[in-house]
Amino acid sequence: SADLDAHLKNADFFEVDKYPTAKFEITKVAAFD
């Protein structure tokens, strides 16, 4: 699993050296219909 962690964080996927964080910002909350 540690090997997979390293792979996901390298340039093949998330590139954490360049993009260490992601962000989620709420734009709308509506009642469930």
PDB file of all heavy atoms in Angstrom:
ATOM      1  N   SER A   1       0.831  -1.205   0.000  1.00  0.00           N
ATOM      2  CA  SER A   1       0.000   0.000   0.000  1.00  0.00           C
ATOM      3  C   SER A   1       0.868   1.260   0.000  1.00  0.00           C
ATOM      4  O   SER A   1       0.496   2.270  -0.608  1.00  0.00           O
ATOM      5  CB  SER A   1      -0.927  -0.005   1.216  1.00  0.00           C
ATOM      6  OG  SER A   1      -0.188  -0.049   2.424  1.00  0.00           O
ATOM      7  N   ALA A   2       2.024   1.198   0.645  1.00  0.00           N
ATOM      8  CA  ALA A   2       2.931   2.351   0.653  1.00  0.00           C
ATOM      9  C   ALA A   2       3.451   2.641  -0.761  1.00  0.00           C
ATOM     10  O   ALA A   2       3.626   3.810  -1.134  1.00  0.00           O
ATOM     11  CB  ALA A   2       4.090   2.099   1.607  1.00  0.00           C
ATOM     12  N   ASP A   3       3.679   1.585  -1.524  1.00  0.00           N
ATOM     13  CA  ASP A   3       4.119   1.773  -2.915  1.00  0.00           C
ATOM     14  C   ASP A   3       3.023   2.450  -3.728  1.00  0.00           C
ATOM     15  O   ASP A   3       3.302   3.328  -4.561  1.00  0.00           O
ATOM     16  CB  ASP A   3       4.467   0.423  -3.552  1.00  0.00           C
ATOM     17  CG  ASP A   3       5.690  -0.226  -2.922  1.00  0.00           C
ATOM     18  OD1 ASP A   3       6.657   0.489  -2.643  1.00  0.00           O
ATOM     19  OD2 ASP A   3       5.653  -1.452  -2.714  1.00  0.00           O
ATOM     20  N   LEU A   4       1.760   2.071  -3.488  1.00  0.00           N
ATOM     21  CA  LEU A   4       0.650   2.695  -4.208  1.00  0.00           C
ATOM     22  C   LEU A   4       0.510   4.167  -3.810  1.00  0.00           C
ATOM     23  O   LEU A   4       0.276   5.027  -4.658  1.00  0.00           O
ATOM     24  CB  LEU A   4      -0.654   1.945  -3.937  1.00  0.00           C
ATOM     25  CG  LEU A   4      -1.905   2.513  -4.618  1.00  0.00           C
ATOM     26  CD1 LEU A   4      -1.719   2.612  -6.130  1.00  0.00           C
ATOM     27  CD2 LEU A   4      -3.127   1.671  -4.296  1.00  0.00           C
ATOM     28  N   ASP A   5       0.684   4.448  -2.518  1.00  0.00           N
ATOM     29  CA  ASP A   5       0.635   5.841  -2.062  1.00  0.00           C
ATOM     30  C   ASP A   5       1.636   6.694  -2.837  1.00  0.00           C
ATOM     31  O   ASP A   5       1.315   7.779  -3.330  1.00  0.00           O
ATOM     32  CB  ASP A   5       0.954   5.938  -0.571  1.00  0.00           C
ATOM     33  CG  ASP A   5      -0.120   5.327   0.312  1.00  0.00           C
ATOM     34  OD1 ASP A   5      -1.235   5.094  -0.185  1.00  0.00           O
ATOM     35  OD2 ASP A   5       0.164   5.098   1.497  1.00  0.00           O
ATOM     36  N   ALA A   6       2.861   6.197  -2.924  1.00  0.00           N
ATOM     37  CA  ALA A   6       3.919   6.936  -3.613  1.00  0.00           C
ATOM     38  C   ALA A   6       3.584   7.132  -5.087  1.00  0.00           C
ATOM     39  O   ALA A   6       3.839   8.206  -5.661  1.00  0.00           O
ATOM     40  CB  ALA A   6       5.250   6.201  -3.458  1.00  0.00           C
ATOM     41  N   HIS A   7       2.999   6.101  -5.702  1.00  0.00           N
ATOM     42  CA  HIS A   7       2.653   6.199  -7.122  1.00  0.00           C
ATOM     43  C   HIS A   7       1.542   7.215  -7.356  1.00  0.00           C
ATOM     44  O   HIS A   7       1.606   8.026  -8.286  1.00  0.00           O
ATOM     45  CB  HIS A   7       2.229   4.826  -7.653  1.00  0.00           C
ATOM     46  CG  HIS A   7       2.084   4.781  -9.141  1.00  0.00           C
ATOM     47  ND1 HIS A   7       1.395   3.783  -9.786  1.00  0.00           N
ATOM     48  CD2 HIS A   7       2.512   5.616 -10.111  1.00  0.00           C
ATOM     49  CE1 HIS A   7       1.415   4.010 -11.096  1.00  0.00           C
ATOM     50  NE2 HIS A   7       2.088   5.118 -11.314  1.00  0.00           N
ATOM     51  N   LEU A   8       0.522   7.191  -6.490  1.00  0.00           N
ATOM     52  CA  LEU A   8      -0.586   8.131  -6.645  1.00  0.00           C
ATOM     53  C   LEU A   8      -0.137   9.581  -6.457  1.00  0.00           C
ATOM     54  O   LEU A   8      -0.713  10.502  -7.037  1.00  0.00           O
ATOM     55  CB  LEU A   8      -1.699   7.806  -5.644  1.00  0.00           C
ATOM     56  CG  LEU A   8      -2.473   6.509  -5.902  1.00  0.00           C
ATOM     57  CD1 LEU A   8      -3.422   6.217  -4.745  1.00  0.00           C
ATOM     58  CD2 LEU A   8      -3.252   6.590  -7.210  1.00  0.00           C
ATOM     59  N   LYS A   9       0.897   9.769  -5.660  1.00  0.00           N
ATOM     60  CA  LYS A   9       1.366  11.127  -5.365  1.00  0.00           C
ATOM     61  C   LYS A   9       2.377  11.650  -6.376  1.00  0.00           C
ATOM     62  O   LYS A   9       2.676  12.847  -6.381  1.00  0.00           O
ATOM     63  CB  LYS A   9       1.977  11.172  -3.963  1.00  0.00           C
ATOM     64  CG  LYS A   9       0.966  10.917  -2.852  1.00  0.00           C
ATOM     65  CD  LYS A   9       1.640  10.815  -1.490  1.00  0.00           C
ATOM     66  CE  LYS A   9       0.645  10.435  -0.408  1.00  0.00           C
ATOM     67  NZ  LYS A   9       1.277  10.300   0.913  1.00  0.00           N
ATOM     68  N   ASN A  10       2.899  10.773  -7.247  1.00  0.00           N
ATOM     69  CA  ASN A  10       3.921  11.241  -8.186  1.00  0.00           C
ATOM     70  C   ASN A  10       3.280  11.836  -9.452  1.00  0.00           C
ATOM     71  O   ASN A  10       2.074  12.018  -9.539  1.00  0.00           O
ATOM     72  CB  ASN A  10       4.935  10.129  -8.499  1.00  0.00           C
ATOM     73  CG  ASN A  10       4.382   9.013  -9.384  1.00  0.00           C
ATOM     74  OD1 ASN A  10       3.377   9.168 -10.073  1.00  0.00           O
ATOM     75  ND2 ASN A  10       5.065   7.874  -9.380  1.00  0.00           N
ATOM     76  N   ALA A  11       4.099  12.108 -10.432  1.00  0.00           N
ATOM     77  CA  ALA A  11       3.637  12.812 -11.645  1.00  0.00           C
ATOM     78  C   ALA A  11       2.644  12.001 -12.474  1.00  0.00           C
ATOM     79  O   ALA A  11       1.956  12.575 -13.334  1.00  0.00           O
ATOM     80  CB  ALA A  11       4.842  13.194 -12.500  1.00  0.00           C
ATOM     81  N   ASP A  12       2.530  10.694 -12.232  1.00  0.00           N
ATOM     82  CA  ASP A  12       1.567   9.889 -12.984  1.00  0.00           C
ATOM     83  C   ASP A  12       0.117  10.265 -12.644  1.00  0.00           C
ATOM     84  O   ASP A  12      -0.786  10.067 -13.459  1.00  0.00           O
ATOM     85  CB  ASP A  12       1.771   8.404 -12.701  1.00  0.00           C
ATOM     86  CG  ASP A  12       2.958   7.826 -13.454  1.00  0.00           C
ATOM     87  OD1 ASP A  12       3.333   8.400 -14.490  1.00  0.00           O
ATOM     88  OD2 ASP A  12       3.509   6.805 -12.993  1.00  0.00           O
ATOM     89  N   PHE A  13      -0.087  10.785 -11.417  1.00  0.00           N
ATOM     90  CA  PHE A  13      -1.450  11.106 -10.996  1.00  0.00           C
ATOM     91  C   PHE A  13      -1.549  12.506 -10.374  1.00  0.00           C
ATOM     92  O   PHE A  13      -1.782  13.465 -11.074  1.00  0.00           O
ATOM     93  CB  PHE A  13      -1.976  10.027 -10.032  1.00  0.00           C
ATOM     94  CG  PHE A  13      -2.238   8.705 -10.697  1.00  0.00           C
ATOM     95  CD1 PHE A  13      -1.318   7.673 -10.605  1.00  0.00           C
ATOM     96  CD2 PHE A  13      -3.395   8.491 -11.442  1.00  0.00           C
ATOM     97  CE1 PHE A  13      -1.552   6.452 -11.235  1.00  0.00           C
ATOM     98  CE2 PHE A  13      -3.635   7.282 -12.079  1.00  0.00           C
ATOM     99  CZ  PHE A  13      -2.710   6.259 -11.973  1.00  0.00           C
ATOM    100  N   PHE A  14      -1.374  12.632  -9.054  1.00  0.00           N
ATOM    101  CA  PHE A  14      -1.687  13.889  -8.373  1.00  0.00           C
ATOM    102  C   PHE A  14      -0.565  14.926  -8.356  1.00  0.00           C
ATOM    103  O   PHE A  14      -0.813  16.090  -8.064  1.00  0.00           O
ATOM    104  CB  PHE A  14      -2.135  13.609  -6.935  1.00  0.00           C
ATOM    105  CG  PHE A  14      -3.513  13.013  -6.843  1.00  0.00           C
ATOM    106  CD1 PHE A  14      -3.677  11.673  -6.547  1.00  0.00           C
ATOM    107  CD2 PHE A  14      -4.641  13.791  -7.060  1.00  0.00           C
ATOM    108  CE1 PHE A  14      -4.956  11.120  -6.455  1.00  0.00           C
ATOM    109  CE2 PHE A  14      -5.915  13.246  -6.983  1.00  0.00           C
ATOM    110  CZ  PHE A  14      -6.074  11.903  -6.676  1.00  0.00           C
ATOM    111  N   GLU A  15       0.663  14.523  -8.616  1.00  0.00           N
ATOM    112  CA  GLU A  15       1.787  15.475  -8.635  1.00  0.00           C
ATOM    113  C   GLU A  15       1.808  16.344  -7.375  1.00  0.00           C
ATOM    114  O   GLU A  15       1.729  17.571  -7.437  1.00  0.00           O
ATOM    115  CB  GLU A  15       1.711  16.394  -9.856  1.00  0.00           C
ATOM    116  CG  GLU A  15       1.917  15.719 -11.187  1.00  0.00           C
ATOM    117  CD  GLU A  15       1.950  16.730 -12.325  1.00  0.00           C
ATOM    118  OE1 GLU A  15       3.033  17.270 -12.614  1.00  0.00           O
ATOM    119  OE2 GLU A  15       0.880  16.981 -12.911  1.00  0.00           O
ATOM    120  N   VAL A  16       1.932  15.705  -6.202  1.00  0.00           N
ATOM    121  CA  VAL A  16       1.823  16.462  -4.956  1.00  0.00           C
ATOM    122  C   VAL A  16       2.927  17.499  -4.775  1.00  0.00           C
ATOM    123  O   VAL A  16       2.730  18.477  -4.050  1.00  0.00           O
ATOM    124  CB  VAL A  16       1.794  15.518  -3.732  1.00  0.00           C
ATOM    125  CG1 VAL A  16       0.538  14.656  -3.742  1.00  0.00           C
ATOM    126  CG2 VAL A  16       3.047  14.661  -3.670  1.00  0.00           C
ATOM    127  N   ASP A  17       4.071  17.311  -5.421  1.00  0.00           N
ATOM    128  CA  ASP A  17       5.121  18.327  -5.332  1.00  0.00           C
ATOM    129  C   ASP A  17       4.644  19.660  -5.910  1.00  0.00           C
ATOM    130  O   ASP A  17       5.043  20.727  -5.446  1.00  0.00           O
ATOM    131  CB  ASP A  17       6.380  17.866  -6.073  1.00  0.00           C
ATOM    132  CG  ASP A  17       7.100  16.746  -5.353  1.00  0.00           C
ATOM    133  OD1 ASP A  17       6.815  16.552  -4.149  1.00  0.00           O
ATOM    134  OD2 ASP A  17       7.926  16.058  -5.974  1.00  0.00           O
ATOM    135  N   LYS A  18       3.795  19.579  -6.921  1.00  0.00           N
ATOM    136  CA  LYS A  18       3.278  20.774  -7.584  1.00  0.00           C
ATOM    137  C   LYS A  18       1.890  21.163  -7.082  1.00  0.00           C
ATOM    138  O   LYS A  18       1.559  22.353  -6.996  1.00  0.00           O
ATOM    139  CB  LYS A  18       3.230  20.525  -9.092  1.00  0.00           C
ATOM    140  CG  LYS A  18       2.898  21.751  -9.927  1.00  0.00           C
ATOM    141  CD  LYS A  18       2.993  21.423 -11.412  1.00  0.00           C
ATOM    142  CE  LYS A  18       2.689  22.651 -12.280  1.00  0.00           C
ATOM    143  NZ  LYS A  18       2.774  22.313 -13.730  1.00  0.00           N
ATOM    144  N   TYR A  19       1.082  20.143  -6.736  1.00  0.00           N
ATOM    145  CA  TYR A  19      -0.292  20.384  -6.292  1.00  0.00           C
ATOM    146  C   TYR A  19      -0.534  19.638  -4.969  1.00  0.00           C
ATOM    147  O   TYR A  19      -1.156  18.579  -4.952  1.00  0.00           O
ATOM    148  CB  TYR A  19      -1.300  19.890  -7.333  1.00  0.00           C
ATOM    149  CG  TYR A  19      -1.080  20.428  -8.725  1.00  0.00           C
ATOM    150  CD1 TYR A  19      -0.488  19.638  -9.718  1.00  0.00           C
ATOM    151  CD2 TYR A  19      -1.468  21.720  -9.057  1.00  0.00           C
ATOM    152  CE1 TYR A  19      -0.299  20.127 -11.000  1.00  0.00           C
ATOM    153  CE2 TYR A  19      -1.289  22.217 -10.343  1.00  0.00           C
ATOM    154  CZ  TYR A  19      -0.694  21.412 -11.303  1.00  0.00           C
ATOM    155  OH  TYR A  19      -0.510  21.899 -12.576  1.00  0.00           O
ATOM    156  N   PRO A  20      -0.061  20.180  -3.856  1.00  0.00           N
ATOM    157  CA  PRO A  20      -0.159  19.466  -2.580  1.00  0.00           C
ATOM    158  C   PRO A  20      -1.562  19.407  -1.991  1.00  0.00           C
ATOM    159  O   PRO A  20      -1.831  18.576  -1.121  1.00  0.00           O
ATOM    160  CB  PRO A  20       0.769  20.260  -1.664  1.00  0.00           C
ATOM    161  CG  PRO A  20       0.789  21.638  -2.245  1.00  0.00           C
ATOM    162  CD  PRO A  20       0.693  21.443  -3.727  1.00  0.00           C
ATOM    163  N   THR A  21      -2.446  20.272  -2.462  1.00  0.00           N
ATOM    164  CA  THR A  21      -3.799  20.282  -1.915  1.00  0.00           C
ATOM    165  C   THR A  21      -4.843  20.304  -3.034  1.00  0.00           C
ATOM    166  O   THR A  21      -4.565  20.688  -4.160  1.00  0.00           O
ATOM    167  CB  THR A  21      -4.042  21.514  -1.012  1.00  0.00           C
ATOM    168  OG1 THR A  21      -3.878  22.713  -1.780  1.00  0.00           O
ATOM    169  CG2 THR A  21      -3.087  21.518   0.171  1.00  0.00           C
ATOM    170  N   ALA A  22      -6.044  19.884  -2.662  1.00  0.00           N
ATOM    171  CA  ALA A  22      -7.226  20.027  -3.507  1.00  0.00           C
ATOM    172  C   ALA A  22      -8.220  20.871  -2.725  1.00  0.00           C
ATOM    173  O   ALA A  22      -8.029  21.120  -1.528  1.00  0.00           O
ATOM    174  CB  ALA A  22      -7.812  18.665  -3.847  1.00  0.00           C
ATOM    175  N   LYS A  23      -9.291  21.315  -3.380  1.00  0.00           N
ATOM    176  CA  LYS A  23     -10.243  22.197  -2.708  1.00  0.00           C
ATOM    177  C   LYS A  23     -11.667  21.864  -3.126  1.00  0.00           C
ATOM    178  O   LYS A  23     -11.920  21.512  -4.280  1.00  0.00           O
ATOM    179  CB  LYS A  23      -9.930  23.654  -3.052  1.00  0.00           C
ATOM    180  CG  LYS A  23     -10.839  24.670  -2.348  1.00  0.00           C
ATOM    181  CD  LYS A  23     -10.599  26.083  -2.847  1.00  0.00           C
ATOM    182  CE  LYS A  23      -9.245  26.603  -2.445  1.00  0.00           C
ATOM    183  NZ  LYS A  23      -9.084  28.046  -2.836  1.00  0.00           N
ATOM    184  N   PHE A  24     -12.586  21.972  -2.148  1.00  0.00           N
ATOM    185  CA  PHE A  24     -14.008  21.842  -2.447  1.00  0.00           C
ATOM    186  C   PHE A  24     -14.730  23.032  -1.841  1.00  0.00           C
ATOM    187  O   PHE A  24     -14.631  23.279  -0.634  1.00  0.00           O
ATOM    188  CB  PHE A  24     -14.585  20.544  -1.875  1.00  0.00           C
ATOM    189  CG  PHE A  24     -16.051  20.361  -2.175  1.00  0.00           C
ATOM    190  CD1 PHE A  24     -16.466  19.979  -3.444  1.00  0.00           C
ATOM    191  CD2 PHE A  24     -17.011  20.570  -1.198  1.00  0.00           C
ATOM    192  CE1 PHE A  24     -17.812  19.825  -3.737  1.00  0.00           C
ATOM    193  CE2 PHE A  24     -18.359  20.414  -1.479  1.00  0.00           C
ATOM    194  CZ  PHE A  24     -18.760  20.039  -2.750  1.00  0.00           C
ATOM    195  N   GLU A  25     -15.458  23.785  -2.676  1.00  0.00           N
ATOM    196  CA  GLU A  25     -16.188  24.961  -2.229  1.00  0.00           C
ATOM    197  C   GLU A  25     -17.655  24.826  -2.621  1.00  0.00           C
ATOM    198  O   GLU A  25     -17.974  24.644  -3.803  1.00  0.00           O
ATOM    199  CB  GLU A  25     -15.604  26.225  -2.856  1.00  0.00           C
ATOM    200  CG  GLU A  25     -14.163  26.501  -2.451  1.00  0.00           C
ATOM    201  CD  GLU A  25     -13.595  27.705  -3.174  1.00  0.00           C
ATOM    202  OE1 GLU A  25     -13.367  27.600  -4.403  1.00  0.00           O
ATOM    203  OE2 GLU A  25     -13.384  28.741  -2.519  1.00  0.00           O
ATOM    204  N   ILE A  26     -18.538  24.906  -1.641  1.00  0.00           N
ATOM    205  CA  ILE A  26     -19.971  24.748  -1.889  1.00  0.00           C
ATOM    206  C   ILE A  26     -20.505  25.911  -2.722  1.00  0.00           C
ATOM    207  O   ILE A  26     -20.206  27.073  -2.446  1.00  0.00           O
ATOM    208  CB  ILE A  26     -20.738  24.632  -0.561  1.00  0.00           C
ATOM    209  CG1 ILE A  26     -20.372  23.310   0.141  1.00  0.00           C
ATOM    210  CG2 ILE A  26     -22.253  24.693  -0.795  1.00  0.00           C
ATOM    211  CD1 ILE A  26     -20.999  23.146   1.516  1.00  0.00           C
ATOM    212  N   THR A  27     -21.278  25.576  -3.736  1.00  0.00           N
ATOM    213  CA  THR A  27     -21.902  26.599  -4.586  1.00  0.00           C
ATOM    214  C   THR A  27     -23.420  26.657  -4.408  1.00  0.00           C
ATOM    215  O   THR A  27     -24.038  27.688  -4.657  1.00  0.00           O
ATOM    216  CB  THR A  27     -21.584  26.342  -6.073  1.00  0.00           C
ATOM    217  OG1 THR A  27     -22.057  25.023  -6.438  1.00  0.00           O
ATOM    218  CG2 THR A  27     -20.083  26.426  -6.325  1.00  0.00           C
ATOM    219  N   LYS A  28     -24.012  25.541  -3.972  1.00  0.00           N
ATOM    220  CA  LYS A  28     -25.458  25.511  -3.812  1.00  0.00           C
ATOM    221  C   LYS A  28     -25.866  24.308  -2.962  1.00  0.00           C
ATOM    222  O   LYS A  28     -25.261  23.242  -3.061  1.00  0.00           O
ATOM    223  CB  LYS A  28     -26.140  25.410  -5.190  1.00  0.00           C
ATOM    224  CG  LYS A  28     -27.664  25.424  -5.152  1.00  0.00           C
ATOM    225  CD  LYS A  28     -28.234  25.312  -6.580  1.00  0.00           C
ATOM    226  CE  LYS A  28     -29.746  25.318  -6.586  1.00  0.00           C
ATOM    227  NZ  LYS A  28     -30.301  25.179  -7.963  1.00  0.00           N
ATOM    228  N   VAL A  29     -26.875  24.511  -2.124  1.00  0.00           N
ATOM    229  CA  VAL A  29     -27.484  23.413  -1.369  1.00  0.00           C
ATOM    230  C   VAL A  29     -28.993  23.521  -1.570  1.00  0.00           C
ATOM    231  O   VAL A  29     -29.614  24.524  -1.210  1.00  0.00           O
ATOM    232  CB  VAL A  29     -27.135  23.481   0.129  1.00  0.00           C
ATOM    233  CG1 VAL A  29     -27.826  22.339   0.880  1.00  0.00           C
ATOM    234  CG2 VAL A  29     -25.625  23.406   0.337  1.00  0.00           C
ATOM    235  N   ALA A  30     -29.587  22.487  -2.171  1.00  0.00           N
ATOM    236  CA  ALA A  30     -31.019  22.494  -2.478  1.00  0.00           C
ATOM    237  C   ALA A  30     -31.703  21.317  -1.800  1.00  0.00           C
ATOM    238  O   ALA A  30     -31.093  20.263  -1.588  1.00  0.00           O
ATOM    239  CB  ALA A  30     -31.236  22.422  -3.988  1.00  0.00           C
ATOM    240  N   ALA A  31     -32.967  21.487  -1.468  1.00  0.00           N
ATOM    241  CA  ALA A  31     -33.733  20.407  -0.851  1.00  0.00           C
ATOM    242  C   ALA A  31     -33.816  19.210  -1.794  1.00  0.00           C
ATOM    243  O   ALA A  31     -33.932  19.372  -3.017  1.00  0.00           O
ATOM    244  CB  ALA A  31     -35.136  20.897  -0.493  1.00  0.00           C
ATOM    245  N   PHE A  32     -33.730  18.020  -1.244  1.00  0.00           N
ATOM    246  CA  PHE A  32     -33.838  16.780  -2.011  1.00  0.00           C
ATOM    247  C   PHE A  32     -35.279  16.604  -2.460  1.00  0.00           C
ATOM    248  O   PHE A  32     -36.206  16.616  -1.656  1.00  0.00           O
ATOM    249  CB  PHE A  32     -33.399  15.609  -1.131  1.00  0.00           C
ATOM    250  CG  PHE A  32     -33.273  14.290  -1.844  1.00  0.00           C
ATOM    251  CD1 PHE A  32     -32.091  13.929  -2.464  1.00  0.00           C
ATOM    252  CD2 PHE A  32     -34.343  13.404  -1.884  1.00  0.00           C
ATOM    253  CE1 PHE A  32     -31.964  12.705  -3.113  1.00  0.00           C
ATOM    254  CE2 PHE A  32     -34.229  12.188  -2.532  1.00  0.00           C
ATOM    255  CZ  PHE A  32     -33.039  11.838  -3.142  1.00  0.00           C
ATOM    256  N   ASP A  33     -35.476  16.457  -3.757  1.00  0.00           N
ATOM    257  CA  ASP A  33     -36.814  16.310  -4.340  1.00  0.00           C
ATOM    258  C   ASP A  33     -37.048  14.835  -4.666  1.00  0.00           C
ATOM    259  O   ASP A  33     -36.510  14.310  -5.640  1.00  0.00           O
ATOM    260  CB  ASP A  33     -36.916  17.167  -5.605  1.00  0.00           C
ATOM    261  CG  ASP A  33     -38.310  17.169  -6.216  1.00  0.00           C
ATOM    262  OD1 ASP A  33     -39.144  16.324  -5.820  1.00  0.00           O
ATOM    263  OD2 ASP A  33     -38.572  18.010  -7.096  1.00  0.00           O
TER     264      ASP A  33
END
